[in-house]
Protein backbone atom coordinates (compact mmCIF):
# COMPACT_ATOMS: atom_id res chain seq x y z
CA UNK A 1 -19.92 -9.60 65.83
CA UNK A 2 -16.31 -10.66 65.93
CA UNK A 3 -13.79 -9.15 63.50
CA UNK A 4 -13.20 -12.52 61.89
CA UNK A 5 -16.92 -13.11 61.27
CA UNK A 6 -17.28 -9.57 59.94
CA UNK A 7 -14.40 -10.17 57.53
CA UNK A 8 -15.96 -13.43 56.31
CA UNK A 9 -19.31 -11.68 55.71
CA UNK A 10 -17.60 -8.82 53.88
CA UNK A 11 -15.59 -11.15 51.63
CA UNK A 12 -18.74 -13.15 50.91
CA UNK A 13 -20.56 -9.97 49.89
CA UNK A 14 -17.73 -8.95 47.57
CA UNK A 15 -17.74 -12.38 45.92
CA UNK A 16 -21.54 -12.47 45.63
CA UNK A 17 -21.66 -9.05 44.00
CA UNK A 18 -18.77 -9.77 41.70
CA UNK A 19 -16.82 -7.10 43.57
CA UNK A 20 -18.92 -4.33 42.07
CA UNK A 21 -20.97 -2.63 44.75
CA UNK A 22 -18.68 -3.09 47.73
CA UNK A 23 -15.48 -2.16 45.91
CA UNK A 24 -17.00 0.89 44.22
CA UNK A 25 -17.94 2.57 47.48
CA UNK A 26 -21.42 1.11 47.67
CA UNK A 27 -22.50 2.54 44.32
CA UNK A 28 -23.58 -0.08 41.81
CA UNK A 29 -21.84 0.10 38.46
CA UNK A 30 -24.15 0.87 35.55
CA UNK A 31 -24.03 -2.13 33.24
CA UNK A 32 -21.00 -2.77 31.06
CA UNK A 33 -17.82 -0.68 31.11
CA UNK A 34 -18.77 0.74 27.72
CA UNK A 35 -22.18 1.60 26.31
CA UNK A 36 -23.77 3.67 23.57
CA UNK A 37 -26.51 6.24 23.99
CA UNK A 38 -28.17 9.31 22.53
CA UNK A 39 -27.38 12.82 23.79
CA UNK A 40 -30.60 14.56 24.85
CA UNK A 41 -29.11 17.67 26.48
CA UNK A 42 -25.82 19.51 26.62
CA UNK A 43 -25.60 21.08 30.09
CA UNK A 44 -22.25 22.81 29.67
CA UNK A 45 -18.78 22.15 28.29
CA UNK A 46 -18.15 18.97 30.28
CA UNK A 47 -21.60 17.63 31.20
CA UNK A 48 -24.33 16.07 29.06
CA UNK A 49 -27.50 14.04 29.51
CA UNK A 50 -27.55 10.74 27.61
CA UNK A 51 -30.25 8.11 27.24
CA UNK A 52 -28.56 4.72 27.66
CA UNK A 53 -30.66 1.54 27.53
CA UNK A 54 -33.83 3.58 28.10
CA UNK A 55 -32.44 5.37 31.16
CA UNK A 56 -31.46 9.06 31.25
CA UNK A 57 -27.99 9.58 32.73
CA UNK A 58 -26.26 12.83 33.65
CA UNK A 59 -22.72 12.28 32.35
CA UNK A 60 -19.64 14.22 33.54
CA UNK A 61 -16.61 13.96 31.25
CA UNK A 62 -13.60 12.36 32.96
CA UNK A 63 -10.27 14.15 33.05
CA UNK A 64 -11.29 17.56 31.75
CA UNK A 65 -12.73 20.76 33.17
CA UNK A 66 -14.35 23.56 31.21
CA UNK A 67 -15.10 27.05 32.49
CA UNK A 68 -18.53 27.44 34.12
CA UNK A 69 -21.35 28.59 31.88
CA UNK A 70 -24.39 28.11 34.09
CA UNK A 71 -24.28 29.62 37.59
CA UNK A 72 -21.20 31.84 37.93
CA UNK A 73 -20.27 32.32 34.27
CA UNK A 74 -16.51 32.23 33.73
CA UNK A 75 -14.35 33.41 30.86
CA UNK A 76 -14.88 31.09 27.85
CA UNK A 77 -17.64 29.10 29.61
CA UNK A 78 -20.38 29.87 27.06
CA UNK A 79 -17.93 29.17 24.21
CA UNK A 80 -17.02 25.79 25.73
CA UNK A 81 -20.71 24.90 26.04
CA UNK A 82 -21.38 25.91 22.44
CA UNK A 83 -18.38 23.89 21.21
CA UNK A 84 -19.49 20.82 23.19
CA UNK A 85 -22.97 21.21 21.65
CA UNK A 86 -21.38 21.27 18.17
CA UNK A 87 -19.34 18.17 19.01
CA UNK A 88 -22.10 15.96 20.42
CA UNK A 89 -25.39 17.82 19.78
CA UNK A 90 -28.18 15.31 19.85
CA UNK A 91 -26.07 12.56 18.34
CA UNK A 92 -25.07 9.12 19.51
CA UNK A 93 -22.07 8.71 21.80
CA UNK A 94 -20.11 5.81 23.24
CA UNK A 95 -19.38 6.08 26.95
CA UNK A 96 -16.35 4.35 28.46
CA UNK A 97 -15.92 4.15 32.20
CA UNK A 98 -12.78 4.13 34.32
CA UNK A 99 -12.11 2.88 37.86
CA UNK A 100 -14.76 5.00 39.60
CA UNK A 101 -18.11 5.11 37.83
CA UNK A 102 -19.98 7.89 39.65
CA UNK A 103 -19.08 11.07 41.46
CA UNK A 104 -20.50 12.25 44.78
CA UNK A 105 -23.38 13.94 42.92
CA UNK A 106 -24.46 10.68 41.29
CA UNK A 107 -23.27 11.68 37.82
CA UNK A 108 -21.92 8.96 35.57
CA UNK A 109 -18.21 9.61 34.92
CA UNK A 110 -17.18 8.75 31.37
CA UNK A 111 -14.81 9.15 28.48
CA UNK A 112 -17.06 10.16 25.58
CA UNK A 113 -16.60 9.32 21.91
CA UNK A 114 -18.92 10.17 19.05
CA UNK A 115 -20.46 6.93 17.86
CA UNK A 116 -20.31 7.87 14.18
CA UNK A 117 -16.63 8.68 13.75
CA UNK A 118 -15.06 7.77 17.11
CA UNK A 119 -13.91 11.34 17.88
CA UNK A 120 -12.67 11.41 21.49
CA UNK A 121 -14.69 14.34 22.82
CA UNK A 122 -12.79 14.78 26.12
CA UNK A 123 -9.49 15.02 24.23
CA UNK A 124 -10.89 17.31 21.52
CA UNK A 125 -12.10 19.81 24.13
CA UNK A 126 -8.57 20.02 25.57
CA UNK A 127 -6.82 19.98 22.17
CA UNK A 128 -8.90 22.91 20.90
CA UNK A 129 -8.46 24.94 24.11
CA UNK A 130 -11.99 24.65 25.47
CA UNK A 131 -10.98 22.60 28.55
CA UNK A 132 -8.10 22.08 30.92
CA UNK A 133 -6.99 18.71 32.31
CA UNK A 134 -8.55 17.67 35.62
CA UNK A 135 -6.75 14.72 37.20
CA UNK A 136 -8.84 13.00 39.87
CA UNK A 137 -7.56 9.65 41.06
CA UNK A 138 -8.43 6.86 40.37
CA UNK A 139 -9.85 7.92 36.95
CA UNK A 140 -6.54 8.77 35.30
CA UNK A 141 -6.34 6.44 32.28
CA UNK A 142 -5.89 9.35 29.82
CA UNK A 143 -4.39 11.97 32.18
CA UNK A 144 -1.01 12.04 30.43
CA UNK A 145 -2.64 12.49 27.04
CA UNK A 146 -4.83 15.34 28.30
CA UNK A 147 -1.83 17.08 29.89
CA UNK A 148 0.15 16.89 26.63
CA UNK A 149 -2.80 18.22 24.62
CA UNK A 150 -3.20 21.13 27.05
CA UNK A 151 0.48 22.06 26.69
CA UNK A 152 0.08 22.11 22.91
CA UNK A 153 -3.12 24.20 23.09
CA UNK A 154 -1.52 26.66 25.48
CA UNK A 155 1.64 27.00 23.36
CA UNK A 156 -0.53 27.63 20.28
CA UNK A 157 -2.77 30.01 22.28
CA UNK A 158 -5.94 28.17 21.25
CA UNK A 159 -9.32 28.79 22.81
CA UNK A 160 -9.29 29.89 26.43
CA UNK A 161 -5.49 30.19 26.34
CA UNK A 162 -5.91 33.15 23.95
CA UNK A 163 -8.98 34.77 25.46
CA UNK A 164 -8.73 34.33 29.23
C-alpha cells in the first residue's frame, strides 16, 4: 500500500471514530469525559473500584502517588489506604478524565470528586500528606495545584512528611 493511500485510510479512520480510538493509542475512551459511579472497593491510597453505568472499573487517581500498602508495604501506605477509605468508602464519586484515559494496565485514569460535596479526593490526599504529586504527561491538568499542596503539606509536616 502506498504511503499516500495509507495516510488517506488513517485519516478516514480518525474521522469515522471521532478521533477517539486512533488518537488515544488504540484504546477506546469510556463514554463521556465525566461520569458518576459508586465505589465498591478501595484497593489502596490511590486506586479504587467503581461501578459506572453498570460496569466495574479499576480507577487510578491521576497526578498523585501514595505509598504502597499491598505488596511491598511502604511507610505510611496503610495509613494512606485507610484515609482514602474514609474519604470515598462505598460512596458515590464523580470521575473526570484528562488527555489519556487508561494506563498500560487498563486502569481508568481519573480525577475523583465525592458526588455529595464535591471534595476533590486527589487534592485532599496531597493536602493532608497522604500522597505526593506524580506528574505523568499528558495528564497534567492539576499538576501545579498538586505540587503547591505538597509543598504546604511538607512545610507543615503533615502525614507522611512527619512520619517517613
